Amino acid sequence: MFGNKKDEFEKLVKKGHWEKLQKKLDSEHEEERILIAEACGGKVCDETNNLLIDLLKDPSDQVKMAAIKSLLTVGNDHAVTQLQWLLGNLKPEQTELHDAVQHAIGALRGKR
């Protein structure tokens, strides 16, 4: 089921169908939101950055992690502020996410 979704999301990113992708961010399926984050890692543009920044606010740590990984590929300095916000709102036990956010901040700071 999700294999077809992966292809669908990659095509939507490639074709720039941002409104359709934005609506899909409300999916109740965590796996779909992860696939959207991964698909956004395939195209460098403001729209993918905006979708990934939205996914940093997702309730699922796995979705946040996928968004962070994609931001490392396509992100820029504009994501640093949102990553700093996320860092300030993590619980102490979220160590893996904490480390990933810190790494992403360091990698994206100053990147255009």
PDB file of N, CA and C in Angstrom:
ATOM      1  N   MET A   1       0.823  -1.206   0.000  1.00  0.00           N
ATOM      2  CA  MET A   1       0.000   0.000   0.000  1.00  0.00           C
ATOM      3  C   MET A   1       0.859   1.258   0.000  1.00  0.00           C
ATOM      4  N   PHE A   2       1.845   1.302   0.916  1.00  0.00           N
ATOM      5  CA  PHE A   2       2.626   2.529   1.038  1.00  0.00           C
ATOM      6  C   PHE A   2       3.660   2.674  -0.065  1.00  0.00           C
ATOM      7  N   GLY A   3       4.019   1.580  -0.771  1.00  0.00           N
ATOM      8  CA  GLY A   3       4.935   1.675  -1.907  1.00  0.00           C
ATOM      9  C   GLY A   3       4.362   2.551  -3.003  1.00  0.00           C
ATOM     10  N   ASN A   4       3.079   2.379  -3.285  1.00  0.00           N
ATOM     11  CA  ASN A   4       2.408   3.210  -4.281  1.00  0.00           C
ATOM     12  C   ASN A   4       2.324   4.661  -3.819  1.00  0.00           C
ATOM     13  N   LYS A   5       2.115   4.849  -2.522  1.00  0.00           N
ATOM     14  CA  LYS A   5       2.045   6.206  -1.966  1.00  0.00           C
ATOM     15  C   LYS A   5       3.379   6.923  -2.134  1.00  0.00           C
ATOM     16  N   LYS A   6       4.470   6.190  -1.940  1.00  0.00           N
ATOM     17  CA  LYS A   6       5.794   6.791  -2.092  1.00  0.00           C
ATOM     18  C   LYS A   6       5.949   7.349  -3.500  1.00  0.00           C
ATOM     19  N   ASP A   7       5.601   6.551  -4.500  1.00  0.00           N
ATOM     20  CA  ASP A   7       5.678   7.006  -5.893  1.00  0.00           C
ATOM     21  C   ASP A   7       4.768   8.210  -6.123  1.00  0.00           C
ATOM     22  N   GLU A   8       3.571   8.139  -5.562  1.00  0.00           N
ATOM     23  CA  GLU A   8       2.603   9.242  -5.717  1.00  0.00           C
ATOM     24  C   GLU A   8       3.174  10.543  -5.159  1.00  0.00           C
ATOM     25  N   PHE A   9       3.733  10.483  -3.950  1.00  0.00           N
ATOM     26  CA  PHE A   9       4.257  11.691  -3.315  1.00  0.00           C
ATOM     27  C   PHE A   9       5.480  12.226  -4.059  1.00  0.00           C
ATOM     28  N   GLU A  10       6.331  11.322  -4.550  1.00  0.00           N
ATOM     29  CA  GLU A  10       7.500  11.763  -5.315  1.00  0.00           C
ATOM     30  C   GLU A  10       7.075  12.477  -6.595  1.00  0.00           C
ATOM     31  N   LYS A  11       6.027  11.974  -7.257  1.00  0.00           N
ATOM     32  CA  LYS A  11       5.514  12.619  -8.469  1.00  0.00           C
ATOM     33  C   LYS A  11       4.911  13.987  -8.147  1.00  0.00           C
ATOM     34  N   LEU A  12       4.182  14.076  -7.033  1.00  0.00           N
ATOM     35  CA  LEU A  12       3.592  15.360  -6.655  1.00  0.00           C
ATOM     36  C   LEU A  12       4.677  16.395  -6.377  1.00  0.00           C
ATOM     37  N   VAL A  13       5.759  15.974  -5.723  1.00  0.00           N
ATOM     38  CA  VAL A  13       6.879  16.892  -5.464  1.00  0.00           C
ATOM     39  C   VAL A  13       7.514  17.302  -6.784  1.00  0.00           C
ATOM     40  N   LYS A  14       7.805  16.329  -7.628  1.00  0.00           N
ATOM     41  CA  LYS A  14       8.468  16.606  -8.905  1.00  0.00           C
ATOM     42  C   LYS A  14       7.654  17.583  -9.757  1.00  0.00           C
ATOM     43  N   LYS A  15       6.331  17.411  -9.745  1.00  0.00           N
ATOM     44  CA  LYS A  15       5.455  18.257 -10.567  1.00  0.00           C
ATOM     45  C   LYS A  15       5.072  19.563  -9.871  1.00  0.00           C
ATOM     46  N   GLY A  16       5.451  19.708  -8.599  1.00  0.00           N
ATOM     47  CA  GLY A  16       5.164  20.951  -7.884  1.00  0.00           C
ATOM     48  C   GLY A  16       3.710  21.116  -7.467  1.00  0.00           C
ATOM     49  N   HIS A  17       3.040  20.029  -7.134  1.00  0.00           N
ATOM     50  CA  HIS A  17       1.647  20.094  -6.681  1.00  0.00           C
ATOM     51  C   HIS A  17       1.613  20.307  -5.164  1.00  0.00           C
ATOM     52  N   TRP A  18       1.981  21.498  -4.741  1.00  0.00           N
ATOM     53  CA  TRP A  18       2.171  21.806  -3.322  1.00  0.00           C
ATOM     54  C   TRP A  18       0.873  21.788  -2.541  1.00  0.00           C
ATOM     55  N   GLU A  19      -0.222  22.254  -3.161  1.00  0.00           N
ATOM     56  CA  GLU A  19      -1.499  22.279  -2.446  1.00  0.00           C
ATOM     57  C   GLU A  19      -1.957  20.858  -2.111  1.00  0.00           C
ATOM     58  N   LYS A  20      -1.801  19.949  -3.047  1.00  0.00           N
ATOM     59  CA  LYS A  20      -2.193  18.555  -2.812  1.00  0.00           C
ATOM     60  C   LYS A  20      -1.341  17.951  -1.696  1.00  0.00           C
ATOM     61  N   LEU A  21      -0.050  18.230  -1.721  1.00  0.00           N
ATOM     62  CA  LEU A  21       0.838  17.706  -0.679  1.00  0.00           C
ATOM     63  C   LEU A  21       0.485  18.303   0.676  1.00  0.00           C
ATOM     64  N   GLN A  22       0.198  19.600   0.698  1.00  0.00           N
ATOM     65  CA  GLN A  22      -0.151  20.263   1.957  1.00  0.00           C
ATOM     66  C   GLN A  22      -1.385  19.613   2.575  1.00  0.00           C
ATOM     67  N   LYS A  23      -2.382  19.300   1.758  1.00  0.00           N
ATOM     68  CA  LYS A  23      -3.595  18.645   2.261  1.00  0.00           C
ATOM     69  C   LYS A  23      -3.279  17.256   2.812  1.00  0.00           C
ATOM     70  N   LYS A  24      -2.331  16.572   2.191  1.00  0.00           N
ATOM     71  CA  LYS A  24      -1.980  15.220   2.624  1.00  0.00           C
ATOM     72  C   LYS A  24      -1.221  15.226   3.954  1.00  0.00           C
ATOM     73  N   LEU A  25      -0.695  16.369   4.363  1.00  0.00           N
ATOM     74  CA  LEU A  25      -0.009  16.447   5.654  1.00  0.00           C
ATOM     75  C   LEU A  25      -0.962  16.185   6.811  1.00  0.00           C
ATOM     76  N   ASP A  26      -2.257  16.320   6.567  1.00  0.00           N
ATOM     77  CA  ASP A  26      -3.258  16.069   7.603  1.00  0.00           C
ATOM     78  C   ASP A  26      -3.634  14.594   7.703  1.00  0.00           C
ATOM     79  N   SER A  27      -2.951  13.745   6.945  1.00  0.00           N
ATOM     80  CA  SER A  27      -3.251  12.314   6.966  1.00  0.00           C
ATOM     81  C   SER A  27      -3.123  11.754   8.369  1.00  0.00           C
ATOM     82  N   GLU A  28      -4.044  10.871   8.711  1.00  0.00           N
ATOM     83  CA  GLU A  28      -3.974  10.209  10.017  1.00  0.00           C
ATOM     84  C   GLU A  28      -2.888   9.139  10.023  1.00  0.00           C
ATOM     85  N   HIS A  29      -2.372   8.791   8.860  1.00  0.00           N
ATOM     86  CA  HIS A  29      -1.364   7.743   8.741  1.00  0.00           C
ATOM     87  C   HIS A  29       0.039   8.342   8.864  1.00  0.00           C
ATOM     88  N   GLU A  30       0.688   8.010   9.944  1.00  0.00           N
ATOM     89  CA  GLU A  30       2.047   8.489  10.187  1.00  0.00           C
ATOM     90  C   GLU A  30       2.977   8.125   9.029  1.00  0.00           C
ATOM     91  N   GLU A  31       2.847   6.920   8.510  1.00  0.00           N
ATOM     92  CA  GLU A  31       3.713   6.456   7.422  1.00  0.00           C
ATOM     93  C   GLU A  31       3.586   7.346   6.187  1.00  0.00           C
ATOM     94  N   GLU A  32       2.379   7.831   5.893  1.00  0.00           N
ATOM     95  CA  GLU A  32       2.198   8.725   4.750  1.00  0.00           C
ATOM     96  C   GLU A  32       2.940  10.040   4.973  1.00  0.00           C
ATOM     97  N   ARG A  33       2.876  10.568   6.175  1.00  0.00           N
ATOM     98  CA  ARG A  33       3.571  11.832   6.460  1.00  0.00           C
ATOM     99  C   ARG A  33       5.090  11.646   6.381  1.00  0.00           C
ATOM    100  N   ILE A  34       5.559  10.472   6.798  1.00  0.00           N
ATOM    101  CA  ILE A  34       6.988  10.167   6.667  1.00  0.00           C
ATOM    102  C   ILE A  34       7.368  10.116   5.188  1.00  0.00           C
ATOM    103  N   LEU A  35       6.549   9.474   4.381  1.00  0.00           N
ATOM    104  CA  LEU A  35       6.831   9.376   2.941  1.00  0.00           C
ATOM    105  C   LEU A  35       6.824  10.749   2.274  1.00  0.00           C
ATOM    106  N   ILE A  36       5.943  11.635   2.712  1.00  0.00           N
ATOM    107  CA  ILE A  36       5.930  12.998   2.176  1.00  0.00           C
ATOM    108  C   ILE A  36       7.237  13.702   2.539  1.00  0.00           C
ATOM    109  N   ALA A  37       7.678  13.558   3.782  1.00  0.00           N
ATOM    110  CA  ALA A  37       8.943  14.173   4.206  1.00  0.00           C
ATOM    111  C   ALA A  37      10.095  13.648   3.358  1.00  0.00           C
ATOM    112  N   GLU A  38      10.115  12.341   3.141  1.00  0.00           N
ATOM    113  CA  GLU A  38      11.183  11.749   2.332  1.00  0.00           C
ATOM    114  C   GLU A  38      11.122  12.239   0.889  1.00  0.00           C
ATOM    115  N   ALA A  39       9.924  12.345   0.331  1.00  0.00           N
ATOM    116  CA  ALA A  39       9.764  12.815  -1.042  1.00  0.00           C
ATOM    117  C   ALA A  39      10.245  14.261  -1.190  1.00  0.00           C
ATOM    118  N   CYS A  40      10.000  15.064  -0.174  1.00  0.00           N
ATOM    119  CA  CYS A  40      10.428  16.468  -0.218  1.00  0.00           C
ATOM    120  C   CYS A  40      11.948  16.600  -0.224  1.00  0.00           C
ATOM    121  N   GLY A  41      12.643  15.574   0.222  1.00  0.00           N
ATOM    122  CA  GLY A  41      14.097  15.592   0.206  1.00  0.00           C
ATOM    123  C   GLY A  41      14.687  15.457  -1.182  1.00  0.00           C
ATOM    124  N   GLY A  42      13.855  15.267  -2.178  1.00  0.00           N
ATOM    125  CA  GLY A  42      14.323  15.100  -3.543  1.00  0.00           C
ATOM    126  C   GLY A  42      14.292  16.345  -4.394  1.00  0.00           C
ATOM    127  N   LYS A  43      13.861  17.470  -3.827  1.00  0.00           N
ATOM    128  CA  LYS A  43      13.771  18.692  -4.641  1.00  0.00           C
ATOM    129  C   LYS A  43      14.105  19.907  -3.781  1.00  0.00           C
ATOM    130  N   VAL A  44      15.089  20.662  -4.230  1.00  0.00           N
ATOM    131  CA  VAL A  44      15.489  21.876  -3.525  1.00  0.00           C
ATOM    132  C   VAL A  44      14.628  23.037  -4.021  1.00  0.00           C
ATOM    133  N   CYS A  45      13.750  23.529  -3.157  1.00  0.00           N
ATOM    134  CA  CYS A  45      12.955  24.715  -3.472  1.00  0.00           C
ATOM    135  C   CYS A  45      12.282  25.202  -2.189  1.00  0.00           C
ATOM    136  N   ASP A  46      11.772  26.410  -2.221  1.00  0.00           N
ATOM    137  CA  ASP A  46      11.125  26.981  -1.036  1.00  0.00           C
ATOM    138  C   ASP A  46       9.933  26.146  -0.584  1.00  0.00           C
ATOM    139  N   GLU A  47       9.183  25.605  -1.533  1.00  0.00           N
ATOM    140  CA  GLU A  47       7.978  24.861  -1.190  1.00  0.00           C
ATOM    141  C   GLU A  47       8.295  23.589  -0.404  1.00  0.00           C
ATOM    142  N   THR A  48       9.343  22.868  -0.817  1.00  0.00           N
ATOM    143  CA  THR A  48       9.682  21.664  -0.055  1.00  0.00           C
ATOM    144  C   THR A  48      10.173  22.048   1.334  1.00  0.00           C
ATOM    145  N   ASN A  49      10.931  23.121   1.421  1.00  0.00           N
ATOM    146  CA  ASN A  49      11.373  23.583   2.737  1.00  0.00           C
ATOM    147  C   ASN A  49      10.184  23.931   3.622  1.00  0.00           C
ATOM    148  N   ASN A  50       9.185  24.602   3.058  1.00  0.00           N
ATOM    149  CA  ASN A  50       8.002  24.978   3.834  1.00  0.00           C
ATOM    150  C   ASN A  50       7.238  23.753   4.326  1.00  0.00           C
ATOM    151  N   LEU A  51       7.082  22.745   3.458  1.00  0.00           N
ATOM    152  CA  LEU A  51       6.398  21.517   3.875  1.00  0.00           C
ATOM    153  C   LEU A  51       7.183  20.810   4.975  1.00  0.00           C
ATOM    154  N   LEU A  52       8.493  20.752   4.824  1.00  0.00           N
ATOM    155  CA  LEU A  52       9.324  20.089   5.838  1.00  0.00           C
ATOM    156  C   LEU A  52       9.274  20.832   7.166  1.00  0.00           C
ATOM    157  N   ILE A  53       9.257  22.147   7.117  1.00  0.00           N
ATOM    158  CA  ILE A  53       9.156  22.942   8.350  1.00  0.00           C
ATOM    159  C   ILE A  53       7.810  22.677   9.026  1.00  0.00           C
ATOM    160  N   ASP A  54       6.743  22.550   8.228  1.00  0.00           N
ATOM    161  CA  ASP A  54       5.440  22.191   8.805  1.00  0.00           C
ATOM    162  C   ASP A  54       5.516  20.833   9.496  1.00  0.00           C
ATOM    163  N   LEU A  55       6.240  19.892   8.902  1.00  0.00           N
ATOM    164  CA  LEU A  55       6.344  18.550   9.471  1.00  0.00           C
ATOM    165  C   LEU A  55       7.175  18.518  10.756  1.00  0.00           C
ATOM    166  N   LEU A  56       7.971  19.551  11.002  1.00  0.00           N
ATOM    167  CA  LEU A  56       8.705  19.623  12.273  1.00  0.00           C
ATOM    168  C   LEU A  56       7.750  19.780  13.453  1.00  0.00           C
ATOM    169  N   LYS A  57       6.513  20.182  13.186  1.00  0.00           N
ATOM    170  CA  LYS A  57       5.511  20.377  14.239  1.00  0.00           C
ATOM    171  C   LYS A  57       4.607  19.152  14.386  1.00  0.00           C
ATOM    172  N   ASP A  58       4.875  18.104  13.635  1.00  0.00           N
ATOM    173  CA  ASP A  58       4.066  16.883  13.671  1.00  0.00           C
ATOM    174  C   ASP A  58       4.151  16.244  15.059  1.00  0.00           C
ATOM    175  N   PRO A  59       3.073  15.614  15.523  1.00  0.00           N
ATOM    176  CA  PRO A  59       3.131  14.952  16.836  1.00  0.00           C
ATOM    177  C   PRO A  59       4.058  13.734  16.874  1.00  0.00           C
ATOM    178  N   SER A  60       4.359  13.157  15.725  1.00  0.00           N
ATOM    179  CA  SER A  60       5.183  11.944  15.673  1.00  0.00           C
ATOM    180  C   SER A  60       6.672  12.280  15.589  1.00  0.00           C
ATOM    181  N   ASP A  61       7.458  11.679  16.464  1.00  0.00           N
ATOM    182  CA  ASP A  61       8.912  11.867  16.412  1.00  0.00           C
ATOM    183  C   ASP A  61       9.493  11.283  15.127  1.00  0.00           C
ATOM    184  N   GLN A  62       8.910  10.201  14.613  1.00  0.00           N
ATOM    185  CA  GLN A  62       9.410   9.600  13.380  1.00  0.00           C
ATOM    186  C   GLN A  62       9.205  10.536  12.190  1.00  0.00           C
ATOM    187  N   VAL A  63       8.083  11.242  12.168  1.00  0.00           N
ATOM    188  CA  VAL A  63       7.827  12.204  11.100  1.00  0.00           C
ATOM    189  C   VAL A  63       8.816  13.361  11.226  1.00  0.00           C
ATOM    190  N   LYS A  64       9.018  13.846  12.433  1.00  0.00           N
ATOM    191  CA  LYS A  64       9.997  14.928  12.645  1.00  0.00           C
ATOM    192  C   LYS A  64      11.381  14.496  12.172  1.00  0.00           C
ATOM    193  N   MET A  65      11.778  13.269  12.502  1.00  0.00           N
ATOM    194  CA  MET A  65      13.089  12.770  12.118  1.00  0.00           C
ATOM    195  C   MET A  65      13.217  12.712  10.592  1.00  0.00           C
ATOM    196  N   ALA A  66      12.179  12.246   9.911  1.00  0.00           N
ATOM    197  CA  ALA A  66      12.205  12.198   8.443  1.00  0.00           C
ATOM    198  C   ALA A  66      12.311  13.597   7.854  1.00  0.00           C
ATOM    199  N   ALA A  67      11.613  14.559   8.454  1.00  0.00           N
ATOM    200  CA  ALA A  67      11.682  15.939   7.979  1.00  0.00           C
ATOM    201  C   ALA A  67      13.085  16.509   8.176  1.00  0.00           C
ATOM    202  N   ILE A  68      13.692  16.219   9.309  1.00  0.00           N
ATOM    203  CA  ILE A  68      15.046  16.697   9.583  1.00  0.00           C
ATOM    204  C   ILE A  68      16.032  16.113   8.574  1.00  0.00           C
ATOM    205  N   LYS A  69      15.925  14.816   8.300  1.00  0.00           N
ATOM    206  CA  LYS A  69      16.824  14.174   7.334  1.00  0.00           C
ATOM    207  C   LYS A  69      16.682  14.808   5.953  1.00  0.00           C
ATOM    208  N   SER A  70      15.464  15.106   5.543  1.00  0.00           N
ATOM    209  CA  SER A  70      15.266  15.744   4.244  1.00  0.00           C
ATOM    210  C   SER A  70      15.766  17.181   4.249  1.00  0.00           C
ATOM    211  N   LEU A  71      15.582  17.875   5.360  1.00  0.00           N
ATOM    212  CA  LEU A  71      16.107  19.247   5.446  1.00  0.00           C
ATOM    213  C   LEU A  71      17.626  19.268   5.299  1.00  0.00           C
ATOM    214  N   LEU A  72      18.291  18.237   5.790  1.00  0.00           N
ATOM    215  CA  LEU A  72      19.744  18.167   5.628  1.00  0.00           C
ATOM    216  C   LEU A  72      20.135  18.132   4.155  1.00  0.00           C
ATOM    217  N   THR A  73      19.272  17.592   3.322  1.00  0.00           N
ATOM    218  CA  THR A  73      19.540  17.499   1.885  1.00  0.00           C
ATOM    219  C   THR A  73      19.125  18.768   1.147  1.00  0.00           C
ATOM    220  N   VAL A  74      17.931  19.270   1.437  1.00  0.00           N
ATOM    221  CA  VAL A  74      17.374  20.365   0.627  1.00  0.00           C
ATOM    222  C   VAL A  74      17.214  21.672   1.394  1.00  0.00           C
ATOM    223  N   GLY A  75      17.455  21.640   2.692  1.00  0.00           N
ATOM    224  CA  GLY A  75      17.194  22.811   3.526  1.00  0.00           C
ATOM    225  C   GLY A  75      18.232  23.906   3.381  1.00  0.00           C
ATOM    226  N   ASN A  76      17.920  25.028   4.001  1.00  0.00           N
ATOM    227  CA  ASN A  76      18.838  26.156   4.013  1.00  0.00           C
ATOM    228  C   ASN A  76      18.723  26.873   5.359  1.00  0.00           C
ATOM    229  N   ASP A  77      19.391  27.987   5.461  1.00  0.00           N
ATOM    230  CA  ASP A  77      19.464  28.752   6.701  1.00  0.00           C
ATOM    231  C   ASP A  77      18.083  29.136   7.249  1.00  0.00           C
ATOM    232  N   HIS A  78      17.087  29.222   6.376  1.00  0.00           N
ATOM    233  CA  HIS A  78      15.747  29.626   6.822  1.00  0.00           C
ATOM    234  C   HIS A  78      15.120  28.605   7.774  1.00  0.00           C
ATOM    235  N   ALA A  79      15.563  27.369   7.717  1.00  0.00           N
ATOM    236  CA  ALA A  79      15.003  26.329   8.583  1.00  0.00           C
ATOM    237  C   ALA A  79      15.595  26.359   9.992  1.00  0.00           C
ATOM    238  N   VAL A  80      16.709  27.064  10.177  1.00  0.00           N
ATOM    239  CA  VAL A  80      17.412  27.039  11.460  1.00  0.00           C
ATOM    240  C   VAL A  80      16.525  27.537  12.595  1.00  0.00           C
ATOM    241  N   THR A  81      15.792  28.608  12.379  1.00  0.00           N
ATOM    242  CA  THR A  81      14.938  29.161  13.428  1.00  0.00           C
ATOM    243  C   THR A  81      13.894  28.134  13.880  1.00  0.00           C
ATOM    244  N   GLN A  82      13.273  27.441  12.919  1.00  0.00           N
ATOM    245  CA  GLN A  82      12.278  26.429  13.262  1.00  0.00           C
ATOM    246  C   GLN A  82      12.917  25.243  13.980  1.00  0.00           C
ATOM    247  N   LEU A  83      14.123  24.880  13.566  1.00  0.00           N
ATOM    248  CA  LEU A  83      14.830  23.794  14.245  1.00  0.00           C
ATOM    249  C   LEU A  83      15.195  24.192  15.674  1.00  0.00           C
ATOM    250  N   GLN A  84      15.577  25.453  15.863  1.00  0.00           N
ATOM    251  CA  GLN A  84      15.877  25.933  17.215  1.00  0.00           C
ATOM    252  C   GLN A  84      14.624  25.916  18.079  1.00  0.00           C
ATOM    253  N   TRP A  85      13.481  26.275  17.487  1.00  0.00           N
ATOM    254  CA  TRP A  85      12.212  26.208  18.220  1.00  0.00           C
ATOM    255  C   TRP A  85      11.943  24.772  18.650  1.00  0.00           C
ATOM    256  N   LEU A  86      12.115  23.829  17.706  1.00  0.00           N
ATOM    257  CA  LEU A  86      11.884  22.422  18.012  1.00  0.00           C
ATOM    258  C   LEU A  86      12.823  21.962  19.125  1.00  0.00           C
ATOM    259  N   LEU A  87      14.071  22.349  19.042  1.00  0.00           N
ATOM    260  CA  LEU A  87      15.054  21.970  20.057  1.00  0.00           C
ATOM    261  C   LEU A  87      14.615  22.434  21.444  1.00  0.00           C
ATOM    262  N   GLY A  88      14.088  23.651  21.511  1.00  0.00           N
ATOM    263  CA  GLY A  88      13.634  24.200  22.786  1.00  0.00           C
ATOM    264  C   GLY A  88      12.373  23.550  23.330  1.00  0.00           C
ATOM    265  N   ASN A  89      11.661  22.799  22.487  1.00  0.00           N
ATOM    266  CA  ASN A  89      10.407  22.169  22.897  1.00  0.00           C
ATOM    267  C   ASN A  89      10.494  20.652  23.043  1.00  0.00           C
ATOM    268  N   LEU A  90      11.687  20.107  22.924  1.00  0.00           N
ATOM    269  CA  LEU A  90      11.853  18.665  23.085  1.00  0.00           C
ATOM    270  C   LEU A  90      11.906  18.290  24.555  1.00  0.00           C
ATOM    271  N   LYS A  91      11.443  17.087  24.846  1.00  0.00           N
ATOM    272  CA  LYS A  91      11.524  16.553  26.209  1.00  0.00           C
ATOM    273  C   LYS A  91      12.919  15.948  26.405  1.00  0.00           C
ATOM    274  N   PRO A  92      13.408  15.899  27.641  1.00  0.00           N
ATOM    275  CA  PRO A  92      14.751  15.365  27.886  1.00  0.00           C
ATOM    276  C   PRO A  92      14.958  13.945  27.342  1.00  0.00           C
ATOM    277  N   GLU A  93      13.907  13.128  27.335  1.00  0.00           N
ATOM    278  CA  GLU A  93      14.059  11.746  26.872  1.00  0.00           C
ATOM    279  C   GLU A  93      14.122  11.615  25.347  1.00  0.00           C
ATOM    280  N   GLN A  94      13.903  12.689  24.623  1.00  0.00           N
ATOM    281  CA  GLN A  94      13.940  12.652  23.155  1.00  0.00           C
ATOM    282  C   GLN A  94      15.386  12.885  22.665  1.00  0.00           C
ATOM    283  N   THR A  95      16.289  12.064  23.139  1.00  0.00           N
ATOM    284  CA  THR A  95      17.712  12.290  22.884  1.00  0.00           C
ATOM    285  C   THR A  95      18.083  12.122  21.412  1.00  0.00           C
ATOM    286  N   GLU A  96      17.520  11.132  20.736  1.00  0.00           N
ATOM    287  CA  GLU A  96      17.860  10.922  19.322  1.00  0.00           C
ATOM    288  C   GLU A  96      17.419  12.117  18.480  1.00  0.00           C
ATOM    289  N   LEU A  97      16.224  12.598  18.739  1.00  0.00           N
ATOM    290  CA  LEU A  97      15.709  13.764  18.025  1.00  0.00           C
ATOM    291  C   LEU A  97      16.537  15.000  18.372  1.00  0.00           C
ATOM    292  N   HIS A  98      16.881  15.145  19.637  1.00  0.00           N
ATOM    293  CA  HIS A  98      17.704  16.266  20.086  1.00  0.00           C
ATOM    294  C   HIS A  98      19.024  16.300  19.317  1.00  0.00           C
ATOM    295  N   ASP A  99      19.687  15.151  19.225  1.00  0.00           N
ATOM    296  CA  ASP A  99      20.967  15.077  18.514  1.00  0.00           C
ATOM    297  C   ASP A  99      20.800  15.396  17.028  1.00  0.00           C
ATOM    298  N   ALA A 100      19.733  14.899  16.428  1.00  0.00           N
ATOM    299  CA  ALA A 100      19.483  15.144  15.002  1.00  0.00           C
ATOM    300  C   ALA A 100      19.223  16.625  14.737  1.00  0.00           C
ATOM    301  N   VAL A 101      18.467  17.264  15.631  1.00  0.00           N
ATOM    302  CA  VAL A 101      18.173  18.692  15.469  1.00  0.00           C
ATOM    303  C   VAL A 101      19.459  19.504  15.606  1.00  0.00           C
ATOM    304  N   GLN A 102      20.255  19.195  16.591  1.00  0.00           N
ATOM    305  CA  GLN A 102      21.514  19.928  16.769  1.00  0.00           C
ATOM    306  C   GLN A 102      22.414  19.768  15.545  1.00  0.00           C
ATOM    307  N   HIS A 103      22.504  18.562  15.026  1.00  0.00           N
ATOM    308  CA  HIS A 103      23.313  18.320  13.828  1.00  0.00           C
ATOM    309  C   HIS A 103      22.783  19.140  12.650  1.00  0.00           C
ATOM    310  N   ALA A 104      21.460  19.134  12.467  1.00  0.00           N
ATOM    311  CA  ALA A 104      20.853  19.866  11.347  1.00  0.00           C
ATOM    312  C   ALA A 104      21.084  21.366  11.483  1.00  0.00           C
ATOM    313  N   ILE A 105      20.973  21.889  12.678  1.00  0.00           N
ATOM    314  CA  ILE A 105      21.219  23.325  12.887  1.00  0.00           C
ATOM    315  C   ILE A 105      22.645  23.666  12.462  1.00  0.00           C
ATOM    316  N   GLY A 106      23.596  22.862  12.907  1.00  0.00           N
ATOM    317  CA  GLY A 106      24.980  23.107  12.534  1.00  0.00           C
ATOM    318  C   GLY A 106      25.219  22.997  11.039  1.00  0.00           C
ATOM    319  N   ALA A 107      24.571  22.027  10.404  1.00  0.00           N
ATOM    320  CA  ALA A 107      24.762  21.821   8.967  1.00  0.00           C
ATOM    321  C   ALA A 107      24.090  22.895   8.116  1.00  0.00           C
ATOM    322  N   LEU A 108      22.970  23.422   8.593  1.00  0.00           N
ATOM    323  CA  LEU A 108      22.189  24.374   7.777  1.00  0.00           C
ATOM    324  C   LEU A 108      22.506  25.840   8.061  1.00  0.00           C
ATOM    325  N   ARG A 109      23.111  26.122   9.186  1.00  0.00           N
ATOM    326  CA  ARG A 109      23.414  27.513   9.514  1.00  0.00           C
ATOM    327  C   ARG A 109      24.325  28.107   8.432  1.00  0.00           C
ATOM    328  N   GLY A 110      23.873  29.184   7.830  1.00  0.00           N
ATOM    329  CA  GLY A 110      24.636  29.863   6.792  1.00  0.00           C
ATOM    330  C   GLY A 110      24.476  29.278   5.402  1.00  0.00           C
ATOM    331  N   LYS A 111      23.738  28.166   5.255  1.00  0.00           N
ATOM    332  CA  LYS A 111      23.549  27.541   3.944  1.00  0.00           C
ATOM    333  C   LYS A 111      22.456  28.285   3.186  1.00  0.00           C
ATOM    334  N   ARG A 112      22.724  28.598   1.947  1.00  0.00           N
ATOM    335  CA  ARG A 112      21.750  29.321   1.121  1.00  0.00           C
ATOM    336  C   ARG A 112      21.146  28.424   0.066  1.00  0.00           C
TER     337      ARG A 112
END
